[in-house]
Amino acid sequence: MGDSKDRIYISTTESQPLIHIGARVPLIRIGARVPLLILVLTISVLGQSCSIGRAVCSLGLTPPTFINHRDNFTPVRKMVEGRYPGINAWYDSLRTADILRDTIITGEGGERLFAVYASAGSEAEGAVLLLHGYAVNHIAMMHLARIYRDSLRFNVLVPDLQRHGYSGGETVKMGWGDRRDAISWTKLMHSMWGSEFIVVHGISMGAATAMMMSGEDDLPDYVGCFIEDSGYTSVWDEFDYLRHKILVSGKGLQKASDYCFRNWGWDFRTASCVEQLARSEKPMLFIHGDPDDFVPTGFVDVLYAAKTKGYKEIWRSKGARKHALAYLANKREYTERVKDFIYRCRAGSEAP
């Protein structure tokens, strides 16, 4: 897998502005936007009576249960069924047949971490670790789990990231703490299935987790490649972009980052996909919906440029309209690009 072998895909349709500062953003919906509306209301009501940094961190990194859907999967099931009809029936059928099972590991900080997994049988051709986004849980990745298991014949493991779903954790880690958990999950996959080629595929915060994981010095050799879909460049950059929409000052964001460091040992700038990608050597496919008004489409160009070692591809899914809908906008092309990328990486023939 040589260095600087690039493959770039760009739609032939005319490009659109990548970032629309000040554009109207609908906030009330399942997923990552909900905490932001509550944050605006909280700051408006509390004013200077409490620390802005504490308010930002408390709502963003320790959201209430009804936002995070911990132990309540009904809203997420409704969301995925609306986007991918039949996916809940597929999930439930695997549960009933005892094909989709639960497992638990302990994180490096002592957290109880939950995942579901499904074997593709004795003819499995590989394994995939699927990583979900903010304020959802493993069910949000079932549309991809079905593709990997039923079409690619891959064993599948899908965790709930920290403070999501059934997993423990004092705070949401925005990918930074989750990167270490992801390595632990691949070790379990290798132990269970003897997997010598593991794909790591994440969406949004899960994509950030994958990119942050890719730069770790102790990344196992059997992790074969990465697919990041709609990830951000760093926690700071993402929050800085969003603060223009939710009326938080730059000073307030810095206070929030400082508060995070004092209480949980990491800050928003340290949690950088760009820095981790500079150390990443494994092949990576960069995907982003175009347009994306939540994690700007322009971030993918920065991420792609940051990876200077090893093979890489980039694809913008035109017509996605909203965040993390690259697959929904172009299901067939998304699936084929993922398949082709994985097959090239497995064969060691990444060059076009």
Protein backbone atom coordinates (compact mmCIF):
# COMPACT_ATOMS: atom_id res chain seq x y z
CA MET A 1 0.00 0.00 0.00
CA GLY A 2 2.10 2.84 -1.29
CA ASP A 3 1.96 6.48 -0.33
CA SER A 4 0.14 9.25 -2.17
CA LYS A 5 -2.05 7.02 -4.34
CA ASP A 6 -5.19 9.14 -4.66
CA ARG A 7 -8.50 8.48 -6.29
CA ILE A 8 -10.90 11.43 -6.44
CA TYR A 9 -14.56 11.24 -7.41
CA ILE A 10 -16.46 14.44 -8.13
CA SER A 11 -20.02 14.60 -9.43
CA THR A 12 -20.44 16.22 -12.81
CA THR A 13 -23.25 18.44 -11.52
CA GLU A 14 -22.41 22.05 -10.77
CA SER A 15 -21.03 22.47 -7.27
CA GLN A 16 -22.88 24.48 -4.62
CA PRO A 17 -21.60 26.69 -1.81
CA LEU A 18 -20.09 24.47 0.86
CA ILE A 19 -20.88 26.53 3.93
CA HIS A 20 -23.94 28.72 4.33
CA ILE A 21 -23.26 30.84 7.40
CA GLY A 22 -26.50 32.13 8.84
CA ALA A 23 -28.69 29.71 6.88
CA ARG A 24 -31.87 28.68 8.62
CA VAL A 25 -31.44 25.32 10.35
CA PRO A 26 -34.41 23.28 11.61
CA LEU A 27 -33.43 22.28 15.12
CA ILE A 28 -36.29 20.18 16.41
CA ARG A 29 -35.71 16.64 15.15
CA ILE A 30 -34.22 13.36 16.28
CA GLY A 31 -30.45 13.38 16.50
CA ALA A 32 -27.70 15.85 17.14
CA ARG A 33 -29.69 19.07 16.57
CA VAL A 34 -31.99 18.64 19.57
CA PRO A 35 -29.37 19.43 22.27
CA LEU A 36 -28.49 22.64 20.45
CA LEU A 37 -32.01 24.04 20.73
CA ILE A 38 -32.10 23.25 24.44
CA LEU A 39 -28.68 24.85 24.81
CA VAL A 40 -29.92 28.10 23.24
CA LEU A 41 -32.93 28.19 25.55
CA THR A 42 -30.82 27.43 28.62
CA ILE A 43 -28.30 30.17 27.94
CA SER A 44 -31.10 32.62 27.14
CA VAL A 45 -32.84 31.89 30.43
CA LEU A 46 -29.82 31.60 32.67
CA GLY A 47 -27.84 34.47 31.18
CA GLN A 48 -24.84 35.18 33.38
CA SER A 49 -26.16 33.27 36.39
CA CYS A 50 -24.05 30.22 35.58
CA SER A 51 -20.88 29.36 33.73
CA ILE A 52 -21.42 29.28 29.97
CA GLY A 53 -18.67 26.68 29.74
CA ARG A 54 -20.45 24.45 32.21
CA ALA A 55 -23.78 24.90 30.40
CA VAL A 56 -22.29 24.00 27.02
CA CYS A 57 -20.49 20.93 28.36
CA SER A 58 -23.36 19.76 30.52
CA LEU A 59 -25.86 19.81 27.68
CA GLY A 60 -23.51 18.79 24.89
CA LEU A 61 -21.45 16.10 26.62
CA THR A 62 -23.83 14.94 29.36
CA PRO A 63 -27.22 15.30 27.65
CA PRO A 64 -30.44 14.26 29.40
CA THR A 65 -31.74 10.75 28.73
CA PHE A 66 -34.61 11.91 26.52
CA ILE A 67 -32.11 13.56 24.17
CA ASN A 68 -29.63 10.72 24.14
CA HIS A 69 -32.22 7.94 23.94
CA ARG A 70 -30.45 5.84 26.55
CA ASP A 71 -32.53 2.73 27.24
CA ASN A 72 -35.24 4.12 24.92
CA PHE A 73 -34.76 2.98 21.37
CA THR A 74 -38.26 3.79 20.09
CA PRO A 75 -37.40 7.25 18.63
CA VAL A 76 -34.34 5.89 16.82
CA ARG A 77 -36.30 2.91 15.48
CA LYS A 78 -38.91 5.32 14.14
CA MET A 79 -36.24 7.46 12.50
CA VAL A 80 -34.48 4.57 10.74
CA GLU A 81 -37.74 2.98 9.61
CA GLY A 82 -38.76 6.27 8.02
CA ARG A 83 -35.51 6.41 6.10
CA TYR A 84 -35.00 2.71 5.42
CA PRO A 85 -38.35 0.88 5.38
CA GLY A 86 -38.09 -2.72 6.53
CA ILE A 87 -34.88 -2.28 8.49
CA ASN A 88 -36.56 -2.82 11.87
CA ALA A 89 -38.13 -6.07 10.65
CA TRP A 90 -34.68 -7.24 9.50
CA TYR A 91 -33.17 -6.31 12.86
CA ASP A 92 -35.95 -8.04 14.78
CA SER A 93 -35.74 -11.17 12.63
CA LEU A 94 -32.05 -11.55 13.41
CA ARG A 95 -32.83 -11.05 17.09
CA THR A 96 -35.54 -13.72 17.00
CA ALA A 97 -33.25 -16.16 15.21
CA ASP A 98 -30.49 -15.51 17.76
CA ILE A 99 -28.17 -14.36 14.98
CA LEU A 100 -27.87 -10.81 16.32
CA ARG A 101 -26.49 -11.06 19.84
CA ASP A 102 -25.32 -8.76 22.65
CA THR A 103 -21.83 -8.46 24.07
CA ILE A 104 -20.15 -6.28 26.68
CA ILE A 105 -16.56 -5.19 27.28
CA THR A 106 -14.94 -2.88 29.80
CA GLY A 107 -13.42 0.34 28.51
CA GLU A 108 -10.00 1.63 29.49
CA GLY A 109 -11.68 3.93 32.01
CA GLY A 110 -13.77 1.15 33.50
CA GLU A 111 -16.91 1.93 31.48
CA ARG A 112 -19.40 -0.81 30.65
CA LEU A 113 -19.57 -0.84 26.85
CA PHE A 114 -22.34 -2.54 24.90
CA ALA A 115 -22.49 -3.82 21.32
CA VAL A 116 -24.51 -6.12 19.10
CA TYR A 117 -22.88 -8.50 16.65
CA ALA A 118 -23.94 -10.86 13.89
CA SER A 119 -21.94 -13.55 12.16
CA ALA A 120 -22.11 -13.99 8.40
CA GLY A 121 -21.40 -17.70 8.82
CA SER A 122 -18.48 -19.93 7.89
CA GLU A 123 -18.14 -18.25 4.50
CA ALA A 124 -17.55 -14.77 5.96
CA GLU A 125 -15.10 -12.73 3.90
CA GLY A 126 -14.18 -10.18 6.54
CA ALA A 127 -15.56 -8.14 9.43
CA VAL A 128 -16.75 -4.59 9.94
CA LEU A 129 -16.97 -2.31 12.96
CA LEU A 130 -19.82 0.19 12.46
CA LEU A 131 -19.80 3.41 14.50
CA HIS A 132 -22.90 5.58 14.94
CA GLY A 133 -23.28 9.34 15.34
CA TYR A 134 -24.28 11.69 18.14
CA ALA A 135 -27.52 11.20 20.10
CA VAL A 136 -28.52 7.91 18.48
CA ASN A 137 -27.41 4.30 19.08
CA HIS A 138 -26.46 1.09 17.27
CA ILE A 139 -29.86 0.79 15.55
CA ALA A 140 -29.00 3.86 13.47
CA MET A 141 -26.34 1.76 11.68
CA MET A 142 -28.54 -1.21 10.80
CA HIS A 143 -28.98 -0.16 7.16
CA LEU A 144 -25.22 -0.54 6.72
CA ALA A 145 -25.11 -3.68 8.86
CA ARG A 146 -27.55 -5.31 6.44
CA ILE A 147 -25.39 -4.40 3.45
CA TYR A 148 -22.21 -5.71 5.03
CA ARG A 149 -23.71 -8.95 6.33
CA ASP A 150 -26.11 -9.87 3.54
CA SER A 151 -24.31 -8.49 0.48
CA LEU A 152 -20.61 -8.51 1.38
CA ARG A 153 -20.77 -11.54 3.70
CA PHE A 154 -18.99 -9.68 6.49
CA ASN A 155 -19.29 -10.38 10.19
CA VAL A 156 -20.69 -7.24 11.82
CA LEU A 157 -20.22 -5.61 15.23
CA VAL A 158 -22.04 -2.38 16.13
CA PRO A 159 -21.38 -0.77 19.54
CA ASP A 160 -23.21 1.94 21.41
CA LEU A 161 -20.61 4.67 21.91
CA GLN A 162 -20.06 6.06 25.39
CA ARG A 163 -23.15 7.57 27.01
CA HIS A 164 -25.32 6.31 24.17
CA GLY A 165 -27.74 3.42 24.06
CA TYR A 166 -26.86 0.73 26.59
CA SER A 167 -23.23 1.79 27.04
CA GLY A 168 -21.96 3.52 30.14
CA GLY A 169 -19.68 6.52 30.34
CA GLU A 170 -19.86 9.74 32.30
CA THR A 171 -19.85 11.89 29.17
CA VAL A 172 -20.16 11.80 25.41
CA LYS A 173 -16.58 11.64 24.12
CA MET A 174 -17.19 13.08 20.61
CA GLY A 175 -14.96 10.35 19.17
CA TRP A 176 -11.85 11.21 21.16
CA GLY A 177 -12.38 8.74 24.00
CA ASP A 178 -14.31 6.41 21.70
CA ARG A 179 -11.23 5.89 19.52
CA ARG A 180 -9.68 3.79 22.27
CA ASP A 181 -12.89 1.81 22.73
CA ALA A 182 -12.97 1.15 18.98
CA ILE A 183 -9.55 -0.47 19.15
CA SER A 184 -10.79 -2.67 21.98
CA TRP A 185 -13.78 -3.73 19.86
CA THR A 186 -11.53 -4.76 16.97
CA LYS A 187 -9.50 -6.89 19.35
CA LEU A 188 -12.69 -8.65 20.42
CA MET A 189 -13.67 -9.17 16.77
CA HIS A 190 -10.28 -10.67 16.03
CA SER A 191 -10.64 -12.96 19.02
CA MET A 192 -14.20 -14.06 18.15
CA TRP A 193 -13.85 -14.54 14.42
CA GLY A 194 -10.13 -14.67 13.73
CA SER A 195 -10.67 -11.66 11.49
CA GLU A 196 -7.54 -10.67 9.59
CA PHE A 197 -9.25 -7.88 7.65
CA ILE A 198 -11.46 -5.53 9.63
CA VAL A 199 -13.16 -2.50 8.08
CA VAL A 200 -14.01 0.45 10.34
CA HIS A 201 -16.95 2.45 8.99
CA GLY A 202 -18.40 5.43 10.86
CA ILE A 203 -20.98 8.14 10.27
CA SER A 204 -20.73 11.68 11.72
CA MET A 205 -19.33 11.35 15.26
CA GLY A 206 -18.67 7.71 14.39
CA ALA A 207 -16.68 8.88 11.38
CA ALA A 208 -14.65 11.15 13.67
CA THR A 209 -14.08 8.15 15.92
CA ALA A 210 -12.78 6.16 12.95
CA MET A 211 -10.40 8.91 11.84
CA MET A 212 -9.12 9.52 15.36
CA MET A 213 -8.60 5.78 15.78
CA SER A 214 -6.68 5.56 12.48
CA GLY A 215 -3.75 7.60 13.84
CA GLU A 216 -3.15 5.55 16.98
CA ASP A 217 0.30 3.98 17.37
CA ASP A 218 -1.12 0.67 18.61
CA LEU A 219 -3.64 0.19 15.80
CA PRO A 220 -3.79 -3.58 15.15
CA ASP A 221 -2.40 -4.81 11.82
CA TYR A 222 -5.64 -6.64 11.07
CA VAL A 223 -7.54 -3.34 10.79
CA GLY A 224 -7.48 -3.16 7.01
CA CYS A 225 -9.15 0.11 6.03
CA PHE A 226 -11.44 2.95 7.12
CA ILE A 227 -14.56 4.58 5.72
CA GLU A 228 -15.57 7.93 7.17
CA ASP A 229 -18.93 9.40 6.25
CA SER A 230 -19.71 13.02 7.17
CA GLY A 231 -17.07 13.46 9.86
CA TYR A 232 -15.79 16.75 11.26
CA THR A 233 -12.22 18.06 11.25
CA SER A 234 -12.08 18.51 15.03
CA VAL A 235 -14.48 18.94 17.91
CA TRP A 236 -13.43 22.60 18.11
CA ASP A 237 -14.09 23.24 14.42
CA GLU A 238 -17.51 21.60 14.57
CA PHE A 239 -18.61 23.47 17.70
CA ASP A 240 -17.17 26.70 16.30
CA TYR A 241 -19.24 26.28 13.15
CA LEU A 242 -22.39 25.50 15.14
CA ARG A 243 -21.97 28.36 17.61
CA HIS A 244 -22.80 30.83 14.83
CA LYS A 245 -26.19 29.16 14.65
CA ILE A 246 -26.86 28.91 18.39
CA LEU A 247 -25.54 32.33 19.44
CA VAL A 248 -22.69 31.15 21.65
CA SER A 249 -19.69 33.49 21.74
CA GLY A 250 -16.17 32.39 20.94
CA LYS A 251 -15.29 33.15 24.54
CA GLY A 252 -18.05 30.82 25.70
CA LEU A 253 -16.73 28.05 23.47
CA GLN A 254 -13.24 28.44 24.92
CA LYS A 255 -14.70 28.28 28.42
CA ALA A 256 -16.49 25.10 27.48
CA SER A 257 -13.28 23.58 26.15
CA ASP A 258 -11.40 24.58 29.29
CA TYR A 259 -14.16 23.13 31.46
CA CYS A 260 -13.98 19.88 29.52
CA PHE A 261 -10.22 19.68 30.05
CA ARG A 262 -10.44 20.38 33.77
CA ASN A 263 -13.15 17.82 34.36
CA TRP A 264 -12.52 15.07 31.81
CA GLY A 265 -8.93 15.49 30.65
CA TRP A 266 -9.37 16.51 27.01
CA ASP A 267 -10.21 19.70 25.16
CA PHE A 268 -11.94 20.47 21.90
CA ARG A 269 -8.78 21.27 19.95
CA THR A 270 -6.94 18.12 21.07
CA ALA A 271 -9.83 16.03 19.71
CA SER A 272 -8.65 16.54 16.14
CA CYS A 273 -9.25 14.25 13.19
CA VAL A 274 -6.82 16.33 11.14
CA GLU A 275 -3.94 15.65 13.54
CA GLN A 276 -4.74 11.94 13.71
CA LEU A 277 -5.02 11.64 9.94
CA ALA A 278 -1.51 13.05 9.57
CA ARG A 279 -0.32 9.86 11.29
CA SER A 280 -2.71 7.50 9.53
CA GLU A 281 -1.27 5.00 7.06
CA LYS A 282 -4.19 2.64 6.38
CA PRO A 283 -6.43 3.17 3.31
CA MET A 284 -9.39 5.50 3.84
CA LEU A 285 -12.51 6.38 1.87
CA PHE A 286 -13.81 9.89 2.62
CA ILE A 287 -17.56 10.38 1.99
CA HIS A 288 -19.67 13.47 2.58
CA GLY A 289 -23.16 14.53 1.62
CA ASP A 290 -23.39 17.64 -0.54
CA PRO A 291 -24.83 19.88 0.73
CA ASP A 292 -24.56 19.38 4.48
CA ASP A 293 -25.69 22.20 6.76
CA PHE A 294 -24.62 20.60 10.03
CA VAL A 295 -21.11 19.25 9.41
CA PRO A 296 -20.13 21.40 6.41
CA THR A 297 -19.27 19.57 3.20
CA GLY A 298 -16.08 21.62 2.97
CA PHE A 299 -14.67 19.75 5.96
CA VAL A 300 -14.13 16.67 3.80
CA ASP A 301 -11.57 18.50 1.63
CA VAL A 302 -9.56 19.47 4.71
CA LEU A 303 -9.71 15.90 6.00
CA TYR A 304 -8.70 14.43 2.67
CA ALA A 305 -5.71 16.78 2.42
CA ALA A 306 -4.65 15.97 5.98
CA LYS A 307 -4.05 12.32 5.12
CA THR A 308 -0.69 12.28 3.37
CA LYS A 309 0.26 8.63 3.88
CA GLY A 310 -1.31 5.61 2.26
CA TYR A 311 -4.15 5.20 -0.18
CA LYS A 312 -7.24 7.41 -0.10
CA GLU A 313 -10.41 8.12 -2.05
CA ILE A 314 -12.98 10.89 -1.78
CA TRP A 315 -16.60 11.02 -2.92
CA ARG A 316 -19.27 13.67 -2.47
CA SER A 317 -22.81 12.33 -2.49
CA LYS A 318 -24.80 14.97 -4.37
CA GLY A 319 -28.33 15.74 -3.30
CA ALA A 320 -28.00 14.60 0.32
CA ARG A 321 -29.68 17.84 1.49
CA LYS A 322 -29.19 17.12 5.20
CA HIS A 323 -26.43 15.82 7.43
CA ALA A 324 -25.40 12.15 7.31
CA LEU A 325 -27.72 11.25 4.45
CA ALA A 326 -25.08 10.41 1.84
CA TYR A 327 -26.36 6.83 1.60
CA LEU A 328 -30.03 7.77 1.47
CA ALA A 329 -29.41 10.21 -1.39
CA ASN A 330 -27.51 7.72 -3.55
CA LYS A 331 -28.03 4.21 -2.21
CA ARG A 332 -26.74 2.24 -5.18
CA GLU A 333 -23.67 4.38 -5.82
CA TYR A 334 -22.82 4.52 -2.11
CA THR A 335 -22.99 0.73 -1.87
CA GLU A 336 -20.91 0.16 -5.00
CA ARG A 337 -18.23 2.64 -3.98
CA VAL A 338 -17.92 1.04 -0.56
CA LYS A 339 -17.73 -2.45 -2.06
CA ASP A 340 -15.16 -1.46 -4.69
CA PHE A 341 -13.00 0.34 -2.15
CA ILE A 342 -12.97 -2.63 0.23
CA TYR A 343 -12.24 -5.13 -2.52
CA ARG A 344 -9.32 -3.04 -3.79
CA CYS A 345 -7.91 -2.74 -0.28
CA ARG A 346 -8.24 -6.48 0.36
CA ALA A 347 -6.54 -7.29 -2.93
CA GLY A 348 -3.76 -4.78 -2.26
CA SER A 349 -4.45 -3.13 -5.61
CA GLU A 350 -5.57 0.32 -4.59
CA ALA A 351 -4.21 2.12 -7.64
CA PRO A 352 -6.85 3.06 -10.25
